[in-house]
């Protein structure tokens, strides 16, 4: 069976960027003060009452926008920040928040303009430079991305996140050596920076570098219940045939997320290798229950059934693979063997 890395390289800074969707907002809408349900609602209501009395105080809109964002009311927050920046256009923090809100609403072009306004007001705004670097990086605009990331470094060379994002830039340029050096720089600044510990461990594991375990262990130490950190270490152990250490990490994942496909599948594989076929079938079945079209899980379970001499069940699983993909030669070969 071929084991696939079901979790891709995990960077905490990966962004999902979508095209802007315009949404109408009513103008001059009357402010409504609702009955508070939570402390957050109560705080919003207090600010709303103040805004009714002092509609030209920009700081009140800024404060309420942050609360609306906490509540997930992004369009209301944007409306407040547009008012705040109209009333006071010289505060760069306002445009940082406005950029964040536009990004939350997937209005990427508006976010870029807001962050650029921030950098115009404050040439040392590392926050805005870093945000612009991320956006251009994941838009694959590499020249703009590195330009803004370099500006972020100039503004603050002691921010570990900047170098973690630079590592992503170098990886997209297929320069693994410089990516690793960027992550090491990030960790020299802050040895407890989780993202860089995890990503450096992963990259070194891909290179089969024994130093990978040091960083993978650190990532798990910093965030013991992080599924990706546990998976990356478990996969490293699996790849060096330390199966029982890998089992421990995968079982830790299942204690957090019992339906996790990657952990269930790899536990099935390991138990198959250890010839614990009955145990392996249960894990492959877990995968199938949560991913009914997963050919690898049907193959794994079919091979277990074959070893257990449950030939009819094995035949059904191999046939299921062919129902999903009639061109699957491995399933066809296994089915033909059972027919003889």
C-alpha atoms as a PDB file:
ATOM      1  CA  UNK A   1       0.000   0.000   0.000  1.00  0.00           C
ATOM      2  CA  UNK A   2       1.220   3.485  -0.790  1.00  0.00           C
ATOM      3  CA  UNK A   3       0.996   5.871   2.120  1.00  0.00           C
ATOM      4  CA  UNK A   4       0.180   9.383   1.097  1.00  0.00           C
ATOM      5  CA  UNK A   5       0.801  12.444   3.211  1.00  0.00           C
ATOM      6  CA  UNK A   6      -2.820  13.309   3.704  1.00  0.00           C
ATOM      7  CA  UNK A   7      -1.981  16.523   5.505  1.00  0.00           C
ATOM      8  CA  UNK A   8      -0.082  18.911   3.210  1.00  0.00           C
ATOM      9  CA  UNK A   9       2.754  21.070   4.483  1.00  0.00           C
ATOM     10  CA  UNK A  10       1.071  23.148   7.122  1.00  0.00           C
ATOM     11  CA  UNK A  11       1.859  26.811   7.482  1.00  0.00           C
ATOM     12  CA  UNK A  12      -0.294  28.696   9.972  1.00  0.00           C
ATOM     13  CA  UNK A  13      -0.149  31.716   7.668  1.00  0.00           C
ATOM     14  CA  UNK A  14      -1.840  30.085   4.694  1.00  0.00           C
ATOM     15  CA  UNK A  15      -4.566  32.435   3.425  1.00  0.00           C
ATOM     16  CA  UNK A  16      -7.778  31.625   1.587  1.00  0.00           C
ATOM     17  CA  UNK A  17      -8.268  34.511  -0.819  1.00  0.00           C
ATOM     18  CA  UNK A  18     -11.474  34.806  -2.765  1.00  0.00           C
ATOM     19  CA  UNK A  19     -12.751  37.368  -5.199  1.00  0.00           C
ATOM     20  CA  UNK A  20     -14.652  40.268  -3.775  1.00  0.00           C
ATOM     21  CA  UNK A  21     -18.395  39.877  -3.479  1.00  0.00           C
ATOM     22  CA  UNK A  22     -20.186  43.218  -3.311  1.00  0.00           C
ATOM     23  CA  UNK A  23     -22.944  43.465  -0.751  1.00  0.00           C
ATOM     24  CA  UNK A  24     -25.390  46.331  -0.524  1.00  0.00           C
ATOM     25  CA  UNK A  25     -25.585  48.234   2.721  1.00  0.00           C
ATOM     26  CA  UNK A  26     -28.416  50.629   3.483  1.00  0.00           C
ATOM     27  CA  UNK A  27     -27.327  54.229   3.915  1.00  0.00           C
ATOM     28  CA  UNK A  28     -28.344  56.387   6.855  1.00  0.00           C
ATOM     29  CA  UNK A  29     -29.709  53.318   8.582  1.00  0.00           C
ATOM     30  CA  UNK A  30     -31.319  54.097  11.923  1.00  0.00           C
ATOM     31  CA  UNK A  31     -29.299  52.845  14.879  1.00  0.00           C
ATOM     32  CA  UNK A  32     -31.137  50.143  16.805  1.00  0.00           C
ATOM     33  CA  UNK A  33     -30.168  49.254  20.350  1.00  0.00           C
ATOM     34  CA  UNK A  34     -31.000  45.612  21.028  1.00  0.00           C
ATOM     35  CA  UNK A  35     -31.483  43.955  24.353  1.00  0.00           C
ATOM     36  CA  UNK A  36     -28.028  42.719  25.428  1.00  0.00           C
ATOM     37  CA  UNK A  37     -27.564  38.941  25.446  1.00  0.00           C
ATOM     38  CA  UNK A  38     -23.882  38.843  26.351  1.00  0.00           C
ATOM     39  CA  UNK A  39     -21.239  41.115  27.830  1.00  0.00           C
ATOM     40  CA  UNK A  40     -20.116  41.815  24.255  1.00  0.00           C
ATOM     41  CA  UNK A  41     -23.639  42.873  23.283  1.00  0.00           C
ATOM     42  CA  UNK A  42     -23.787  45.100  26.334  1.00  0.00           C
ATOM     43  CA  UNK A  43     -20.504  46.787  25.391  1.00  0.00           C
ATOM     44  CA  UNK A  44     -21.762  47.348  21.841  1.00  0.00           C
ATOM     45  CA  UNK A  45     -24.961  48.902  23.161  1.00  0.00           C
ATOM     46  CA  UNK A  46     -23.048  51.250  25.430  1.00  0.00           C
ATOM     47  CA  UNK A  47     -20.951  52.446  22.496  1.00  0.00           C
ATOM     48  CA  UNK A  48     -24.030  52.765  20.300  1.00  0.00           C
ATOM     49  CA  UNK A  49     -25.663  55.072  22.845  1.00  0.00           C
ATOM     50  CA  UNK A  50     -22.507  57.182  22.948  1.00  0.00           C
ATOM     51  CA  UNK A  51     -22.415  57.351  19.141  1.00  0.00           C
ATOM     52  CA  UNK A  52     -26.027  58.553  19.070  1.00  0.00           C
ATOM     53  CA  UNK A  53     -25.007  61.428  21.355  1.00  0.00           C
ATOM     54  CA  UNK A  54     -21.620  62.058  19.705  1.00  0.00           C
ATOM     55  CA  UNK A  55     -21.857  60.978  16.056  1.00  0.00           C
ATOM     56  CA  UNK A  56     -18.645  62.790  15.080  1.00  0.00           C
ATOM     57  CA  UNK A  57     -16.297  61.016  17.495  1.00  0.00           C
ATOM     58  CA  UNK A  58     -14.189  58.718  15.328  1.00  0.00           C
ATOM     59  CA  UNK A  59     -12.733  56.763  18.274  1.00  0.00           C
ATOM     60  CA  UNK A  60     -16.190  55.477  19.207  1.00  0.00           C
ATOM     61  CA  UNK A  61     -16.658  53.923  15.761  1.00  0.00           C
ATOM     62  CA  UNK A  62     -13.165  52.380  16.002  1.00  0.00           C
ATOM     63  CA  UNK A  63     -13.974  50.807  19.363  1.00  0.00           C
ATOM     64  CA  UNK A  64     -17.341  49.502  18.207  1.00  0.00           C
ATOM     65  CA  UNK A  65     -15.868  48.108  14.970  1.00  0.00           C
ATOM     66  CA  UNK A  66     -13.485  45.941  16.991  1.00  0.00           C
ATOM     67  CA  UNK A  67     -16.405  44.599  19.019  1.00  0.00           C
ATOM     68  CA  UNK A  68     -18.485  43.951  15.892  1.00  0.00           C
ATOM     69  CA  UNK A  69     -15.544  41.989  14.492  1.00  0.00           C
ATOM     70  CA  UNK A  70     -15.374  39.869  17.643  1.00  0.00           C
ATOM     71  CA  UNK A  71     -19.065  39.146  17.178  1.00  0.00           C
ATOM     72  CA  UNK A  72     -18.562  38.208  13.522  1.00  0.00           C
ATOM     73  CA  UNK A  73     -20.516  41.195  12.227  1.00  0.00           C
ATOM     74  CA  UNK A  74     -17.948  42.104   9.603  1.00  0.00           C
ATOM     75  CA  UNK A  75     -20.087  44.354   7.415  1.00  0.00           C
ATOM     76  CA  UNK A  76     -21.203  46.384  10.430  1.00  0.00           C
ATOM     77  CA  UNK A  77     -17.575  46.675  11.491  1.00  0.00           C
ATOM     78  CA  UNK A  78     -16.567  47.849   8.007  1.00  0.00           C
ATOM     79  CA  UNK A  79     -19.342  50.431   8.074  1.00  0.00           C
ATOM     80  CA  UNK A  80     -18.024  51.779  11.373  1.00  0.00           C
ATOM     81  CA  UNK A  81     -14.429  51.942  10.175  1.00  0.00           C
ATOM     82  CA  UNK A  82     -15.396  53.671   6.965  1.00  0.00           C
ATOM     83  CA  UNK A  83     -17.073  56.322   9.135  1.00  0.00           C
ATOM     84  CA  UNK A  84     -14.066  56.517  11.461  1.00  0.00           C
ATOM     85  CA  UNK A  85     -11.594  57.025   8.588  1.00  0.00           C
ATOM     86  CA  UNK A  86     -13.886  59.597   6.978  1.00  0.00           C
ATOM     87  CA  UNK A  87     -13.921  61.555  10.244  1.00  0.00           C
ATOM     88  CA  UNK A  88     -10.198  61.106  10.933  1.00  0.00           C
ATOM     89  CA  UNK A  89      -7.950  60.077   8.057  1.00  0.00           C
ATOM     90  CA  UNK A  90      -4.556  60.470   9.735  1.00  0.00           C
ATOM     91  CA  UNK A  91      -4.532  57.492  12.133  1.00  0.00           C
ATOM     92  CA  UNK A  92      -2.742  54.517  10.601  1.00  0.00           C
ATOM     93  CA  UNK A  93      -4.217  52.028  13.112  1.00  0.00           C
ATOM     94  CA  UNK A  94      -7.655  52.805  11.683  1.00  0.00           C
ATOM     95  CA  UNK A  95      -6.538  51.730   8.225  1.00  0.00           C
ATOM     96  CA  UNK A  96      -4.887  48.585   9.603  1.00  0.00           C
ATOM     97  CA  UNK A  97      -8.205  47.510  11.099  1.00  0.00           C
ATOM     98  CA  UNK A  98     -10.083  48.524   7.967  1.00  0.00           C
ATOM     99  CA  UNK A  99      -7.679  46.424   5.905  1.00  0.00           C
ATOM    100  CA  UNK A 100      -8.227  43.445   8.200  1.00  0.00           C
ATOM    101  CA  UNK A 101     -11.985  43.822   7.887  1.00  0.00           C
ATOM    102  CA  UNK A 102     -11.909  44.106   4.105  1.00  0.00           C
ATOM    103  CA  UNK A 103      -9.740  40.986   4.051  1.00  0.00           C
ATOM    104  CA  UNK A 104     -12.255  39.209   6.323  1.00  0.00           C
ATOM    105  CA  UNK A 105     -14.922  40.137   3.772  1.00  0.00           C
ATOM    106  CA  UNK A 106     -12.650  38.868   0.939  1.00  0.00           C
ATOM    107  CA  UNK A 107     -12.492  42.344  -0.586  1.00  0.00           C
ATOM    108  CA  UNK A 108      -8.787  41.991  -1.309  1.00  0.00           C
ATOM    109  CA  UNK A 109      -8.327  45.077  -3.456  1.00  0.00           C
ATOM    110  CA  UNK A 110      -9.906  47.268  -0.796  1.00  0.00           C
ATOM    111  CA  UNK A 111      -7.711  45.617   1.848  1.00  0.00           C
ATOM    112  CA  UNK A 112      -4.582  46.417  -0.161  1.00  0.00           C
ATOM    113  CA  UNK A 113      -5.602  50.070  -0.472  1.00  0.00           C
ATOM    114  CA  UNK A 114      -6.271  50.315   3.260  1.00  0.00           C
ATOM    115  CA  UNK A 115      -2.897  48.805   4.190  1.00  0.00           C
ATOM    116  CA  UNK A 116      -1.142  51.050   1.656  1.00  0.00           C
ATOM    117  CA  UNK A 117      -2.836  54.038   3.264  1.00  0.00           C
ATOM    118  CA  UNK A 118      -1.505  52.834   6.620  1.00  0.00           C
ATOM    119  CA  UNK A 119       2.061  52.602   5.315  1.00  0.00           C
ATOM    120  CA  UNK A 120       1.730  56.063   3.821  1.00  0.00           C
ATOM    121  CA  UNK A 121       0.800  57.439   7.223  1.00  0.00           C
ATOM    122  CA  UNK A 122       3.407  55.375   9.051  1.00  0.00           C
ATOM    123  CA  UNK A 123       6.450  54.288   7.007  1.00  0.00           C
ATOM    124  CA  UNK A 124       7.437  52.001   9.917  1.00  0.00           C
ATOM    125  CA  UNK A 125       4.119  50.132   9.947  1.00  0.00           C
ATOM    126  CA  UNK A 126       5.506  46.593  10.012  1.00  0.00           C
ATOM    127  CA  UNK A 127       1.956  45.255  10.515  1.00  0.00           C
ATOM    128  CA  UNK A 128       0.701  46.684   7.215  1.00  0.00           C
ATOM    129  CA  UNK A 129       3.885  45.741   5.325  1.00  0.00           C
ATOM    130  CA  UNK A 130       3.577  42.161   6.565  1.00  0.00           C
ATOM    131  CA  UNK A 131      -0.107  41.974   5.644  1.00  0.00           C
ATOM    132  CA  UNK A 132       0.649  43.257   2.148  1.00  0.00           C
ATOM    133  CA  UNK A 133       3.476  40.756   1.828  1.00  0.00           C
ATOM    134  CA  UNK A 134       1.122  37.897   2.731  1.00  0.00           C
ATOM    135  CA  UNK A 135      -1.565  39.013   0.318  1.00  0.00           C
ATOM    136  CA  UNK A 136       0.811  39.358  -2.633  1.00  0.00           C
ATOM    137  CA  UNK A 137       2.527  36.100  -1.730  1.00  0.00           C
ATOM    138  CA  UNK A 138      -0.670  34.103  -1.949  1.00  0.00           C
ATOM    139  CA  UNK A 139      -1.698  35.939  -5.057  1.00  0.00           C
ATOM    140  CA  UNK A 140       1.625  34.651  -6.443  1.00  0.00           C
ATOM    141  CA  UNK A 141       2.809  38.213  -7.065  1.00  0.00           C
ATOM    142  CA  UNK A 142       6.304  37.357  -5.940  1.00  0.00           C
ATOM    143  CA  UNK A 143       8.071  40.620  -6.685  1.00  0.00           C
ATOM    144  CA  UNK A 144       5.567  42.650  -4.688  1.00  0.00           C
ATOM    145  CA  UNK A 145       5.519  40.064  -1.912  1.00  0.00           C
ATOM    146  CA  UNK A 146       9.252  40.104  -1.211  1.00  0.00           C
ATOM    147  CA  UNK A 147       9.381  43.891  -1.514  1.00  0.00           C
ATOM    148  CA  UNK A 148       6.832  44.308   1.257  1.00  0.00           C
ATOM    149  CA  UNK A 149       8.350  41.551   3.378  1.00  0.00           C
ATOM    150  CA  UNK A 150      11.727  43.277   3.169  1.00  0.00           C
ATOM    151  CA  UNK A 151      10.085  46.534   4.239  1.00  0.00           C
ATOM    152  CA  UNK A 152       8.548  44.686   7.183  1.00  0.00           C
ATOM    153  CA  UNK A 153      12.025  43.477   8.195  1.00  0.00           C
ATOM    154  CA  UNK A 154      13.360  47.023   7.927  1.00  0.00           C
ATOM    155  CA  UNK A 155      10.581  48.176  10.228  1.00  0.00           C
ATOM    156  CA  UNK A 156      11.185  45.393  12.774  1.00  0.00           C
ATOM    157  CA  UNK A 157      13.874  42.769  12.312  1.00  0.00           C
ATOM    158  CA  UNK A 158      12.843  41.076  15.560  1.00  0.00           C
ATOM    159  CA  UNK A 159       9.427  39.843  14.448  1.00  0.00           C
ATOM    160  CA  UNK A 160       9.591  36.022  14.025  1.00  0.00           C
ATOM    161  CA  UNK A 161       6.418  35.952  11.936  1.00  0.00           C
ATOM    162  CA  UNK A 162       8.025  37.961   9.143  1.00  0.00           C
ATOM    163  CA  UNK A 163      10.751  35.357   8.659  1.00  0.00           C
ATOM    164  CA  UNK A 164       8.193  32.527   8.831  1.00  0.00           C
ATOM    165  CA  UNK A 165       6.311  34.160   5.957  1.00  0.00           C
ATOM    166  CA  UNK A 166       9.580  34.668   4.082  1.00  0.00           C
ATOM    167  CA  UNK A 167      10.113  30.917   4.349  1.00  0.00           C
ATOM    168  CA  UNK A 168       6.867  30.414   2.442  1.00  0.00           C
ATOM    169  CA  UNK A 169       8.111  32.847  -0.191  1.00  0.00           C
ATOM    170  CA  UNK A 170      11.355  30.894  -0.634  1.00  0.00           C
ATOM    171  CA  UNK A 171       9.474  27.603  -0.826  1.00  0.00           C
ATOM    172  CA  UNK A 172       7.325  28.997  -3.611  1.00  0.00           C
ATOM    173  CA  UNK A 173      10.586  29.908  -5.339  1.00  0.00           C
ATOM    174  CA  UNK A 174      11.741  26.283  -4.823  1.00  0.00           C
ATOM    175  CA  UNK A 175      14.572  27.459  -2.593  1.00  0.00           C
ATOM    176  CA  UNK A 176      14.337  25.055   0.343  1.00  0.00           C
ATOM    177  CA  UNK A 177      17.765  26.018   1.702  1.00  0.00           C
ATOM    178  CA  UNK A 178      16.812  29.660   2.189  1.00  0.00           C
ATOM    179  CA  UNK A 179      13.390  28.649   3.510  1.00  0.00           C
ATOM    180  CA  UNK A 180      15.072  26.606   6.225  1.00  0.00           C
ATOM    181  CA  UNK A 181      17.440  29.474   7.041  1.00  0.00           C
ATOM    182  CA  UNK A 182      14.488  31.864   7.343  1.00  0.00           C
ATOM    183  CA  UNK A 183      12.758  29.528   9.763  1.00  0.00           C
ATOM    184  CA  UNK A 184      15.943  29.211  11.805  1.00  0.00           C
ATOM    185  CA  UNK A 185      16.187  33.005  11.914  1.00  0.00           C
ATOM    186  CA  UNK A 186      12.602  33.149  13.136  1.00  0.00           C
ATOM    187  CA  UNK A 187      13.472  30.736  15.945  1.00  0.00           C
ATOM    188  CA  UNK A 188      16.602  32.624  16.914  1.00  0.00           C
ATOM    189  CA  UNK A 189      14.302  35.573  17.531  1.00  0.00           C
ATOM    190  CA  UNK A 190      11.696  33.531  19.385  1.00  0.00           C
ATOM    191  CA  UNK A 191      12.439  29.872  20.173  1.00  0.00           C
ATOM    192  CA  UNK A 192       8.809  29.397  21.212  1.00  0.00           C
ATOM    193  CA  UNK A 193       7.350  30.482  17.871  1.00  0.00           C
ATOM    194  CA  UNK A 194       5.137  27.504  17.064  1.00  0.00           C
ATOM    195  CA  UNK A 195       4.719  27.980  13.327  1.00  0.00           C
ATOM    196  CA  UNK A 196       8.451  27.979  12.669  1.00  0.00           C
ATOM    197  CA  UNK A 197       9.100  24.980  14.932  1.00  0.00           C
ATOM    198  CA  UNK A 198       6.442  22.997  13.110  1.00  0.00           C
ATOM    199  CA  UNK A 199       7.392  24.017   9.598  1.00  0.00           C
ATOM    200  CA  UNK A 200      11.118  23.563  10.125  1.00  0.00           C
ATOM    201  CA  UNK A 201      10.532  20.097  11.546  1.00  0.00           C
ATOM    202  CA  UNK A 202       8.383  19.221   8.555  1.00  0.00           C
ATOM    203  CA  UNK A 203      10.907  20.470   5.994  1.00  0.00           C
ATOM    204  CA  UNK A 204      13.796  18.664   7.645  1.00  0.00           C
ATOM    205  CA  UNK A 205      11.687  15.495   7.838  1.00  0.00           C
ATOM    206  CA  UNK A 206      11.154  15.681   4.078  1.00  0.00           C
ATOM    207  CA  UNK A 207      14.928  15.839   3.693  1.00  0.00           C
ATOM    208  CA  UNK A 208      15.241  12.849   6.068  1.00  0.00           C
ATOM    209  CA  UNK A 209      17.324  15.009   8.372  1.00  0.00           C
ATOM    210  CA  UNK A 210      17.504  13.531  11.881  1.00  0.00           C
ATOM    211  CA  UNK A 211      17.389  17.040  13.345  1.00  0.00           C
ATOM    212  CA  UNK A 212      13.720  17.136  12.302  1.00  0.00           C
ATOM    213  CA  UNK A 213      12.651  15.386  15.494  1.00  0.00           C
ATOM    214  CA  UNK A 214      14.055  18.198  17.656  1.00  0.00           C
ATOM    215  CA  UNK A 215      11.736  20.735  16.015  1.00  0.00           C
ATOM    216  CA  UNK A 216       8.782  18.363  15.754  1.00  0.00           C
ATOM    217  CA  UNK A 217       9.068  17.671  19.488  1.00  0.00           C
ATOM    218  CA  UNK A 218       9.215  21.383  20.219  1.00  0.00           C
ATOM    219  CA  UNK A 219       6.070  22.006  18.191  1.00  0.00           C
ATOM    220  CA  UNK A 220       4.173  19.353  20.155  1.00  0.00           C
ATOM    221  CA  UNK A 221       5.562  20.698  23.424  1.00  0.00           C
ATOM    222  CA  UNK A 222       4.351  24.215  22.615  1.00  0.00           C
ATOM    223  CA  UNK A 223       0.913  23.028  21.443  1.00  0.00           C
ATOM    224  CA  UNK A 224       0.311  19.498  22.782  1.00  0.00           C
ATOM    225  CA  UNK A 225      -3.165  19.241  21.288  1.00  0.00           C
ATOM    226  CA  UNK A 226      -2.418  20.616  17.844  1.00  0.00           C
ATOM    227  CA  UNK A 227      -3.471  17.953  15.345  1.00  0.00           C
ATOM    228  CA  UNK A 228      -1.058  19.049  12.624  1.00  0.00           C
ATOM    229  CA  UNK A 229       1.920  19.032  15.002  1.00  0.00           C
ATOM    230  CA  UNK A 230       1.014  15.561  16.226  1.00  0.00           C
ATOM    231  CA  UNK A 231       0.489  14.315  12.695  1.00  0.00           C
ATOM    232  CA  UNK A 232       3.788  15.673  11.406  1.00  0.00           C
ATOM    233  CA  UNK A 233       5.691  13.976  14.234  1.00  0.00           C
ATOM    234  CA  UNK A 234       3.714  10.759  13.848  1.00  0.00           C
ATOM    235  CA  UNK A 235       4.420  10.683  10.129  1.00  0.00           C
ATOM    236  CA  UNK A 236       8.119  11.230  10.797  1.00  0.00           C
ATOM    237  CA  UNK A 237       8.145   8.292  13.209  1.00  0.00           C
ATOM    238  CA  UNK A 238       6.245   6.194  10.690  1.00  0.00           C
ATOM    239  CA  UNK A 239       8.723   6.993   7.931  1.00  0.00           C
ATOM    240  CA  UNK A 240      11.657   5.817  10.066  1.00  0.00           C
ATOM    241  CA  UNK A 241       9.717   2.681  11.096  1.00  0.00           C
ATOM    242  CA  UNK A 242       9.300   3.746  14.734  1.00  0.00           C
ATOM    243  CA  UNK A 243       5.779   2.423  14.506  1.00  0.00           C
ATOM    244  CA  UNK A 244       4.824   2.431  18.179  1.00  0.00           C
ATOM    245  CA  UNK A 245       5.875   6.064  18.599  1.00  0.00           C
ATOM    246  CA  UNK A 246       3.822   6.882  15.497  1.00  0.00           C
ATOM    247  CA  UNK A 247       0.841   4.971  16.905  1.00  0.00           C
ATOM    248  CA  UNK A 248       1.001   7.058  20.093  1.00  0.00           C
ATOM    249  CA  UNK A 249       0.807  10.312  18.135  1.00  0.00           C
ATOM    250  CA  UNK A 250      -1.980   9.116  15.853  1.00  0.00           C
ATOM    251  CA  UNK A 251      -3.986   7.870  18.828  1.00  0.00           C
ATOM    252  CA  UNK A 252      -3.538  11.273  20.451  1.00  0.00           C
ATOM    253  CA  UNK A 253      -5.057  12.801  17.324  1.00  0.00           C
ATOM    254  CA  UNK A 254      -8.041  10.437  17.514  1.00  0.00           C
ATOM    255  CA  UNK A 255      -8.608  11.388  21.150  1.00  0.00           C
ATOM    256  CA  UNK A 256      -9.139  14.943  19.851  1.00  0.00           C
ATOM    257  CA  UNK A 257     -10.777  14.126  16.513  1.00  0.00           C
ATOM    258  CA  UNK A 258     -12.011  10.503  16.321  1.00  0.00           C
ATOM    259  CA  UNK A 259     -12.997  10.851  12.653  1.00  0.00           C
ATOM    260  CA  UNK A 260      -9.615  12.159  11.496  1.00  0.00           C
ATOM    261  CA  UNK A 261      -9.025  10.442   8.164  1.00  0.00           C
ATOM    262  CA  UNK A 262      -5.223  10.724   8.065  1.00  0.00           C
ATOM    263  CA  UNK A 263      -4.646   9.295  11.538  1.00  0.00           C
ATOM    264  CA  UNK A 264      -7.157   6.473  11.033  1.00  0.00           C
ATOM    265  CA  UNK A 265      -5.676   5.538   7.678  1.00  0.00           C
ATOM    266  CA  UNK A 266      -2.082   5.514   8.874  1.00  0.00           C
ATOM    267  CA  UNK A 267      -3.024   3.481  11.940  1.00  0.00           C
ATOM    268  CA  UNK A 268      -4.618   1.020   9.553  1.00  0.00           C
ATOM    269  CA  UNK A 269      -1.454   0.881   7.493  1.00  0.00           C
ATOM    270  CA  UNK A 270       0.850   0.436  10.491  1.00  0.00           C
ATOM    271  CA  UNK A 271      -1.265  -2.339  11.962  1.00  0.00           C
ATOM    272  CA  UNK A 272      -1.302  -4.036   8.568  1.00  0.00           C
ATOM    273  CA  UNK A 273       2.508  -3.928   8.489  1.00  0.00           C
ATOM    274  CA  UNK A 274       2.556  -5.313  12.035  1.00  0.00           C
ATOM    275  CA  UNK A 275       0.206  -8.077  10.828  1.00  0.00           C
ATOM    276  CA  UNK A 276      -2.532  -6.999  13.209  1.00  0.00           C
ATOM    277  CA  UNK A 277      -5.092  -7.375  10.478  1.00  0.00           C
ATOM    278  CA  UNK A 278      -8.238  -7.298  12.594  1.00  0.00           C
ATOM    279  CA  UNK A 279      -7.143  -4.069  14.257  1.00  0.00           C
ATOM    280  CA  UNK A 280      -6.196  -2.584  10.910  1.00  0.00           C
ATOM    281  CA  UNK A 281      -9.645  -3.279   9.443  1.00  0.00           C
ATOM    282  CA  UNK A 282     -11.296  -1.191  12.160  1.00  0.00           C
ATOM    283  CA  UNK A 283      -9.185   1.846  11.291  1.00  0.00           C
ATOM    284  CA  UNK A 284      -9.735   1.460   7.553  1.00  0.00           C
ATOM    285  CA  UNK A 285     -13.458   1.138   8.257  1.00  0.00           C
ATOM    286  CA  UNK A 286     -13.330   4.424  10.192  1.00  0.00           C
ATOM    287  CA  UNK A 287     -11.872   6.082   7.114  1.00  0.00           C
ATOM    288  CA  UNK A 288     -14.538   4.596   4.866  1.00  0.00           C
ATOM    289  CA  UNK A 289     -17.327   5.689   7.195  1.00  0.00           C
ATOM    290  CA  UNK A 290     -16.095   9.270   6.971  1.00  0.00           C
ATOM    291  CA  UNK A 291     -14.884   9.180   3.363  1.00  0.00           C
ATOM    292  CA  UNK A 292     -16.984   6.630   1.428  1.00  0.00           C
ATOM    293  CA  UNK A 293     -15.078   7.144  -1.843  1.00  0.00           C
ATOM    294  CA  UNK A 294     -11.612   6.623  -0.349  1.00  0.00           C
ATOM    295  CA  UNK A 295     -10.024   3.990  -2.585  1.00  0.00           C
ATOM    296  CA  UNK A 296      -6.899   3.588  -0.431  1.00  0.00           C
ATOM    297  CA  UNK A 297      -8.987   2.650   2.592  1.00  0.00           C
ATOM    298  CA  UNK A 298     -10.965   0.053   0.633  1.00  0.00           C
ATOM    299  CA  UNK A 299      -7.703  -1.397  -0.678  1.00  0.00           C
ATOM    300  CA  UNK A 300      -6.184  -1.535   2.798  1.00  0.00           C
ATOM    301  CA  UNK A 301      -9.254  -3.172   4.272  1.00  0.00           C
ATOM    302  CA  UNK A 302      -9.553  -5.576   1.347  1.00  0.00           C
ATOM    303  CA  UNK A 303      -5.972  -6.716   1.833  1.00  0.00           C
ATOM    304  CA  UNK A 304      -6.648  -7.215   5.552  1.00  0.00           C
ATOM    305  CA  UNK A 305      -9.710  -9.301   4.771  1.00  0.00           C
ATOM    306  CA  UNK A 306      -7.633 -11.310   2.330  1.00  0.00           C
ATOM    307  CA  UNK A 307      -5.030 -12.065   5.040  1.00  0.00           C
ATOM    308  CA  UNK A 308      -7.870 -13.009   7.413  1.00  0.00           C
ATOM    309  CA  UNK A 309      -9.207 -15.349   4.699  1.00  0.00           C
ATOM    310  CA  UNK A 310     -12.462 -13.393   4.549  1.00  0.00           C
ATOM    311  CA  UNK A 311     -12.381 -13.612   0.792  1.00  0.00           C
ATOM    312  CA  UNK A 312     -15.924 -12.475   0.043  1.00  0.00           C
ATOM    313  CA  UNK A 313     -15.466  -9.301   2.073  1.00  0.00           C
ATOM    314  CA  UNK A 314     -12.147  -8.725   0.338  1.00  0.00           C
ATOM    315  CA  UNK A 315     -13.792  -9.200  -3.042  1.00  0.00           C
ATOM    316  CA  UNK A 316     -16.472  -6.642  -2.160  1.00  0.00           C
ATOM    317  CA  UNK A 317     -13.882  -4.040  -1.208  1.00  0.00           C
ATOM    318  CA  UNK A 318     -11.826  -4.538  -4.368  1.00  0.00           C
ATOM    319  CA  UNK A 319     -15.013  -4.362  -6.430  1.00  0.00           C
ATOM    320  CA  UNK A 320     -15.997  -1.158  -4.641  1.00  0.00           C
ATOM    321  CA  UNK A 321     -12.716   0.400  -5.780  1.00  0.00           C
ATOM    322  CA  UNK A 322     -13.511  -0.530  -9.376  1.00  0.00           C
ATOM    323  CA  UNK A 323     -16.973   0.966  -8.990  1.00  0.00           C
ATOM    324  CA  UNK A 324     -15.298   4.210  -7.959  1.00  0.00           C
ATOM    325  CA  UNK A 325     -12.504   3.990 -10.531  1.00  0.00           C
ATOM    326  CA  UNK A 326     -12.869   1.340 -13.253  1.00  0.00           C
ATOM    327  CA  UNK A 327      -9.259   1.965 -14.319  1.00  0.00           C
ATOM    328  CA  UNK A 328      -7.702   1.014 -10.968  1.00  0.00           C
ATOM    329  CA  UNK A 329      -5.271  -1.755 -11.943  1.00  0.00           C
ATOM    330  CA  UNK A 330      -4.277  -2.683  -8.384  1.00  0.00           C
ATOM    331  CA  UNK A 331      -7.858  -3.467  -7.391  1.00  0.00           C
ATOM    332  CA  UNK A 332      -8.410  -5.360 -10.639  1.00  0.00           C
ATOM    333  CA  UNK A 333      -5.285  -7.473 -10.053  1.00  0.00           C
ATOM    334  CA  UNK A 334      -6.339  -8.286  -6.482  1.00  0.00           C
ATOM    335  CA  UNK A 335      -9.825  -9.187  -7.642  1.00  0.00           C
ATOM    336  CA  UNK A 336      -8.418 -11.469 -10.350  1.00  0.00           C
ATOM    337  CA  UNK A 337      -6.235 -13.229  -7.766  1.00  0.00           C
ATOM    338  CA  UNK A 338      -9.317 -13.976  -5.680  1.00  0.00           C
ATOM    339  CA  UNK A 339     -11.123 -15.355  -8.705  1.00  0.00           C
ATOM    340  CA  UNK A 340      -8.451 -18.016  -9.341  1.00  0.00           C
END
